[in-house]
Amino acid sequence: MEPVDTQDSLRYLLNEWDPIGVADAVQDEYDCMIAPLLSRLYDGAGRAEISEFLWSELKDHFGLDPTYQEVDSVASRLVAWWADTAGS
């Protein structure tokens, strides 16, 4: 299990992205993505796999059109964050 600070850091990044636009009012809206993302990142997922996960979550879970949500940019940011986190 990942330390709480890693989960908090990932929560912060997801809330900063905030594809629904509710993070100011609901801090745990994206918590459903934390464990699956950490698992994928821990297993060495790259940008493409993280992007695919985010795309399907936005579309299937949140009911959003991922086309306008900068999914690839967020995936790149999460992979870079993980590289920094896992390397320290």
N, C-alpha and C. Protein backbone atom coordinates (compact mmCIF):
# COMPACT_ATOMS: atom_id res chain seq x y z
N MET A 1 0.84 -1.19 0.00
CA MET A 1 0.00 0.00 0.00
C MET A 1 0.88 1.24 0.00
N GLU A 2 0.49 2.22 -0.80
CA GLU A 2 1.27 3.45 -0.93
C GLU A 2 1.08 4.33 0.31
N PRO A 3 2.12 5.07 0.67
CA PRO A 3 1.98 5.98 1.81
C PRO A 3 0.92 7.05 1.52
N VAL A 4 0.34 7.54 2.58
CA VAL A 4 -0.72 8.54 2.45
C VAL A 4 -0.24 9.77 1.70
N ASP A 5 1.00 10.18 1.93
CA ASP A 5 1.48 11.39 1.25
C ASP A 5 1.53 11.22 -0.27
N THR A 6 1.80 10.02 -0.75
CA THR A 6 1.79 9.75 -2.18
C THR A 6 0.35 9.85 -2.70
N GLN A 7 -0.57 9.28 -1.96
CA GLN A 7 -1.98 9.38 -2.35
C GLN A 7 -2.45 10.83 -2.33
N ASP A 8 -2.02 11.57 -1.31
CA ASP A 8 -2.40 12.98 -1.22
C ASP A 8 -1.82 13.78 -2.38
N SER A 9 -0.60 13.47 -2.76
CA SER A 9 0.04 14.16 -3.89
C SER A 9 -0.72 13.87 -5.19
N LEU A 10 -1.10 12.62 -5.38
CA LEU A 10 -1.84 12.26 -6.58
C LEU A 10 -3.23 12.91 -6.55
N ARG A 11 -3.87 12.92 -5.39
CA ARG A 11 -5.17 13.59 -5.25
C ARG A 11 -5.04 15.07 -5.64
N TYR A 12 -3.98 15.70 -5.17
CA TYR A 12 -3.73 17.11 -5.50
C TYR A 12 -3.65 17.30 -7.02
N LEU A 13 -2.89 16.43 -7.70
CA LEU A 13 -2.73 16.55 -9.15
C LEU A 13 -4.06 16.33 -9.88
N LEU A 14 -4.83 15.36 -9.43
CA LEU A 14 -6.13 15.11 -10.05
C LEU A 14 -7.08 16.27 -9.81
N ASN A 15 -7.05 16.82 -8.60
CA ASN A 15 -7.91 17.98 -8.31
C ASN A 15 -7.47 19.22 -9.07
N GLU A 16 -6.19 19.34 -9.30
CA GLU A 16 -5.69 20.47 -10.09
C GLU A 16 -6.19 20.35 -11.54
N TRP A 17 -6.20 19.16 -12.07
CA TRP A 17 -6.74 18.90 -13.41
C TRP A 17 -8.24 19.17 -13.41
N ASP A 18 -8.96 18.56 -12.50
CA ASP A 18 -10.38 18.80 -12.24
C ASP A 18 -11.26 18.81 -13.49
N PRO A 19 -11.34 17.70 -14.21
CA PRO A 19 -12.12 17.70 -15.46
C PRO A 19 -13.61 17.97 -15.28
N ILE A 20 -14.16 17.71 -14.11
CA ILE A 20 -15.57 17.96 -13.85
C ILE A 20 -15.80 19.40 -13.40
N GLY A 21 -14.79 19.98 -12.76
CA GLY A 21 -14.92 21.35 -12.26
C GLY A 21 -15.53 21.44 -10.88
N VAL A 22 -15.28 20.43 -10.04
CA VAL A 22 -15.88 20.42 -8.70
C VAL A 22 -14.86 20.35 -7.57
N ALA A 23 -13.58 20.35 -7.87
CA ALA A 23 -12.56 20.10 -6.86
C ALA A 23 -12.55 21.15 -5.74
N ASP A 24 -12.98 22.36 -6.02
CA ASP A 24 -13.02 23.37 -4.97
C ASP A 24 -14.04 23.01 -3.89
N ALA A 25 -15.09 22.31 -4.27
CA ALA A 25 -16.15 21.94 -3.33
C ALA A 25 -16.03 20.51 -2.82
N VAL A 26 -15.50 19.61 -3.66
CA VAL A 26 -15.45 18.19 -3.33
C VAL A 26 -14.01 17.69 -3.53
N GLN A 27 -13.25 17.58 -2.45
CA GLN A 27 -11.84 17.23 -2.54
C GLN A 27 -11.59 15.76 -2.91
N ASP A 28 -12.57 14.89 -2.70
CA ASP A 28 -12.34 13.46 -2.95
C ASP A 28 -13.06 12.94 -4.20
N GLU A 29 -13.48 13.82 -5.08
CA GLU A 29 -14.24 13.42 -6.27
C GLU A 29 -13.48 12.41 -7.13
N TYR A 30 -12.18 12.55 -7.21
CA TYR A 30 -11.38 11.71 -8.11
C TYR A 30 -10.64 10.59 -7.38
N ASP A 31 -10.98 10.38 -6.11
CA ASP A 31 -10.30 9.34 -5.33
C ASP A 31 -10.47 7.95 -5.93
N CYS A 32 -11.54 7.74 -6.70
CA CYS A 32 -11.75 6.44 -7.34
C CYS A 32 -10.64 6.12 -8.35
N MET A 33 -9.89 7.11 -8.76
CA MET A 33 -8.81 6.89 -9.72
C MET A 33 -7.45 6.70 -9.05
N ILE A 34 -7.34 7.00 -7.77
CA ILE A 34 -6.03 6.98 -7.10
C ILE A 34 -5.43 5.58 -7.08
N ALA A 35 -6.13 4.61 -6.54
CA ALA A 35 -5.57 3.25 -6.44
C ALA A 35 -5.26 2.65 -7.82
N PRO A 36 -6.18 2.74 -8.79
CA PRO A 36 -5.85 2.19 -10.11
C PRO A 36 -4.66 2.89 -10.77
N LEU A 37 -4.57 4.21 -10.60
CA LEU A 37 -3.43 4.92 -11.17
C LEU A 37 -2.12 4.52 -10.50
N LEU A 38 -2.12 4.48 -9.17
CA LEU A 38 -0.90 4.09 -8.46
C LEU A 38 -0.47 2.68 -8.82
N SER A 39 -1.43 1.79 -8.96
CA SER A 39 -1.12 0.41 -9.35
C SER A 39 -0.47 0.38 -10.73
N ARG A 40 -1.03 1.10 -11.66
CA ARG A 40 -0.47 1.13 -13.02
C ARG A 40 0.91 1.77 -13.03
N LEU A 41 1.05 2.89 -12.33
CA LEU A 41 2.35 3.56 -12.29
C LEU A 41 3.40 2.69 -11.62
N TYR A 42 3.02 2.05 -10.54
CA TYR A 42 3.94 1.15 -9.83
C TYR A 42 4.40 0.01 -10.74
N ASP A 43 3.50 -0.46 -11.60
CA ASP A 43 3.82 -1.55 -12.52
C ASP A 43 4.56 -1.07 -13.77
N GLY A 44 4.86 0.22 -13.83
CA GLY A 44 5.67 0.74 -14.93
C GLY A 44 4.90 1.28 -16.12
N ALA A 45 3.63 1.58 -15.95
CA ALA A 45 2.84 2.12 -17.06
C ALA A 45 3.43 3.42 -17.57
N GLY A 46 3.39 3.58 -18.86
CA GLY A 46 3.84 4.81 -19.48
C GLY A 46 2.68 5.73 -19.79
N ARG A 47 2.98 6.80 -20.51
CA ARG A 47 1.98 7.80 -20.83
C ARG A 47 0.78 7.21 -21.57
N ALA A 48 1.03 6.34 -22.53
CA ALA A 48 -0.07 5.78 -23.34
C ALA A 48 -1.05 5.00 -22.48
N GLU A 49 -0.55 4.16 -21.58
CA GLU A 49 -1.44 3.36 -20.74
C GLU A 49 -2.20 4.23 -19.74
N ILE A 50 -1.52 5.21 -19.17
CA ILE A 50 -2.19 6.12 -18.23
C ILE A 50 -3.23 6.95 -18.96
N SER A 51 -2.90 7.40 -20.15
CA SER A 51 -3.85 8.17 -20.96
C SER A 51 -5.08 7.33 -21.28
N GLU A 52 -4.88 6.09 -21.64
CA GLU A 52 -5.99 5.19 -21.95
C GLU A 52 -6.90 5.00 -20.73
N PHE A 53 -6.29 4.83 -19.55
CA PHE A 53 -7.07 4.68 -18.32
C PHE A 53 -7.88 5.94 -18.05
N LEU A 54 -7.23 7.11 -18.12
CA LEU A 54 -7.93 8.37 -17.86
C LEU A 54 -9.07 8.58 -18.85
N TRP A 55 -8.80 8.28 -20.11
CA TRP A 55 -9.81 8.43 -21.16
C TRP A 55 -11.04 7.59 -20.83
N SER A 56 -10.82 6.32 -20.49
CA SER A 56 -11.96 5.45 -20.21
C SER A 56 -12.69 5.85 -18.92
N GLU A 57 -11.96 6.32 -17.92
CA GLU A 57 -12.61 6.79 -16.69
C GLU A 57 -13.50 8.00 -16.96
N LEU A 58 -12.97 8.95 -17.71
CA LEU A 58 -13.76 10.14 -18.01
C LEU A 58 -15.02 9.78 -18.80
N LYS A 59 -14.86 8.91 -19.77
CA LYS A 59 -15.98 8.55 -20.63
C LYS A 59 -16.97 7.63 -19.93
N ASP A 60 -16.47 6.54 -19.35
CA ASP A 60 -17.36 5.50 -18.82
C ASP A 60 -17.83 5.76 -17.40
N HIS A 61 -16.96 6.31 -16.57
CA HIS A 61 -17.32 6.52 -15.16
C HIS A 61 -17.95 7.90 -14.92
N PHE A 62 -17.33 8.93 -15.49
CA PHE A 62 -17.80 10.29 -15.23
C PHE A 62 -18.76 10.81 -16.30
N GLY A 63 -18.88 10.10 -17.43
CA GLY A 63 -19.81 10.51 -18.47
C GLY A 63 -19.40 11.77 -19.21
N LEU A 64 -18.09 12.01 -19.30
CA LEU A 64 -17.58 13.19 -19.99
C LEU A 64 -17.02 12.83 -21.36
N ASP A 65 -16.94 13.80 -22.23
CA ASP A 65 -16.24 13.62 -23.50
C ASP A 65 -14.77 13.94 -23.23
N PRO A 66 -13.90 12.92 -23.26
CA PRO A 66 -12.49 13.13 -22.94
C PRO A 66 -11.73 13.97 -23.97
N THR A 67 -12.32 14.19 -25.12
CA THR A 67 -11.64 14.90 -26.20
C THR A 67 -11.10 16.26 -25.77
N TYR A 68 -11.81 16.93 -24.89
CA TYR A 68 -11.45 18.30 -24.52
C TYR A 68 -10.84 18.40 -23.12
N GLN A 69 -10.34 17.30 -22.59
CA GLN A 69 -9.87 17.28 -21.20
C GLN A 69 -8.36 17.18 -21.04
N GLU A 70 -7.61 17.36 -22.12
CA GLU A 70 -6.13 17.33 -22.06
C GLU A 70 -5.61 16.05 -21.42
N VAL A 71 -6.21 14.92 -21.78
CA VAL A 71 -5.87 13.63 -21.19
C VAL A 71 -4.40 13.28 -21.38
N ASP A 72 -3.86 13.46 -22.58
CA ASP A 72 -2.46 13.11 -22.83
C ASP A 72 -1.51 13.97 -22.00
N SER A 73 -1.81 15.25 -21.87
CA SER A 73 -0.97 16.13 -21.05
C SER A 73 -0.98 15.71 -19.59
N VAL A 74 -2.16 15.38 -19.09
CA VAL A 74 -2.27 14.95 -17.70
C VAL A 74 -1.55 13.62 -17.51
N ALA A 75 -1.69 12.71 -18.45
CA ALA A 75 -1.00 11.42 -18.36
C ALA A 75 0.52 11.63 -18.32
N SER A 76 1.02 12.51 -19.16
CA SER A 76 2.46 12.81 -19.16
C SER A 76 2.89 13.39 -17.82
N ARG A 77 2.07 14.27 -17.29
CA ARG A 77 2.39 14.88 -16.00
C ARG A 77 2.40 13.84 -14.88
N LEU A 78 1.44 12.92 -14.89
CA LEU A 78 1.38 11.89 -13.86
C LEU A 78 2.57 10.93 -13.96
N VAL A 79 2.96 10.57 -15.16
CA VAL A 79 4.12 9.68 -15.34
C VAL A 79 5.39 10.38 -14.87
N ALA A 80 5.55 11.66 -15.19
CA ALA A 80 6.71 12.42 -14.72
C ALA A 80 6.70 12.56 -13.21
N TRP A 81 5.53 12.83 -12.63
CA TRP A 81 5.41 12.93 -11.17
C TRP A 81 5.80 11.60 -10.53
N TRP A 82 5.34 10.49 -11.10
CA TRP A 82 5.67 9.19 -10.53
C TRP A 82 7.17 8.92 -10.60
N ALA A 83 7.78 9.28 -11.71
CA ALA A 83 9.23 9.08 -11.85
C ALA A 83 9.98 9.84 -10.76
N ASP A 84 9.54 11.05 -10.48
CA ASP A 84 10.16 11.84 -9.40
C ASP A 84 9.87 11.24 -8.04
N THR A 85 8.63 10.79 -7.84
CA THR A 85 8.21 10.24 -6.55
C THR A 85 8.90 8.90 -6.28
N ALA A 86 8.90 8.02 -7.26
CA ALA A 86 9.48 6.69 -7.08
C ALA A 86 10.99 6.75 -6.99
N GLY A 87 11.58 7.77 -7.59
CA GLY A 87 13.03 7.90 -7.58
C GLY A 87 13.58 8.53 -6.30
N SER A 88 12.70 9.11 -5.47
CA SER A 88 13.20 9.78 -4.28
C SER A 88 13.07 8.92 -3.03
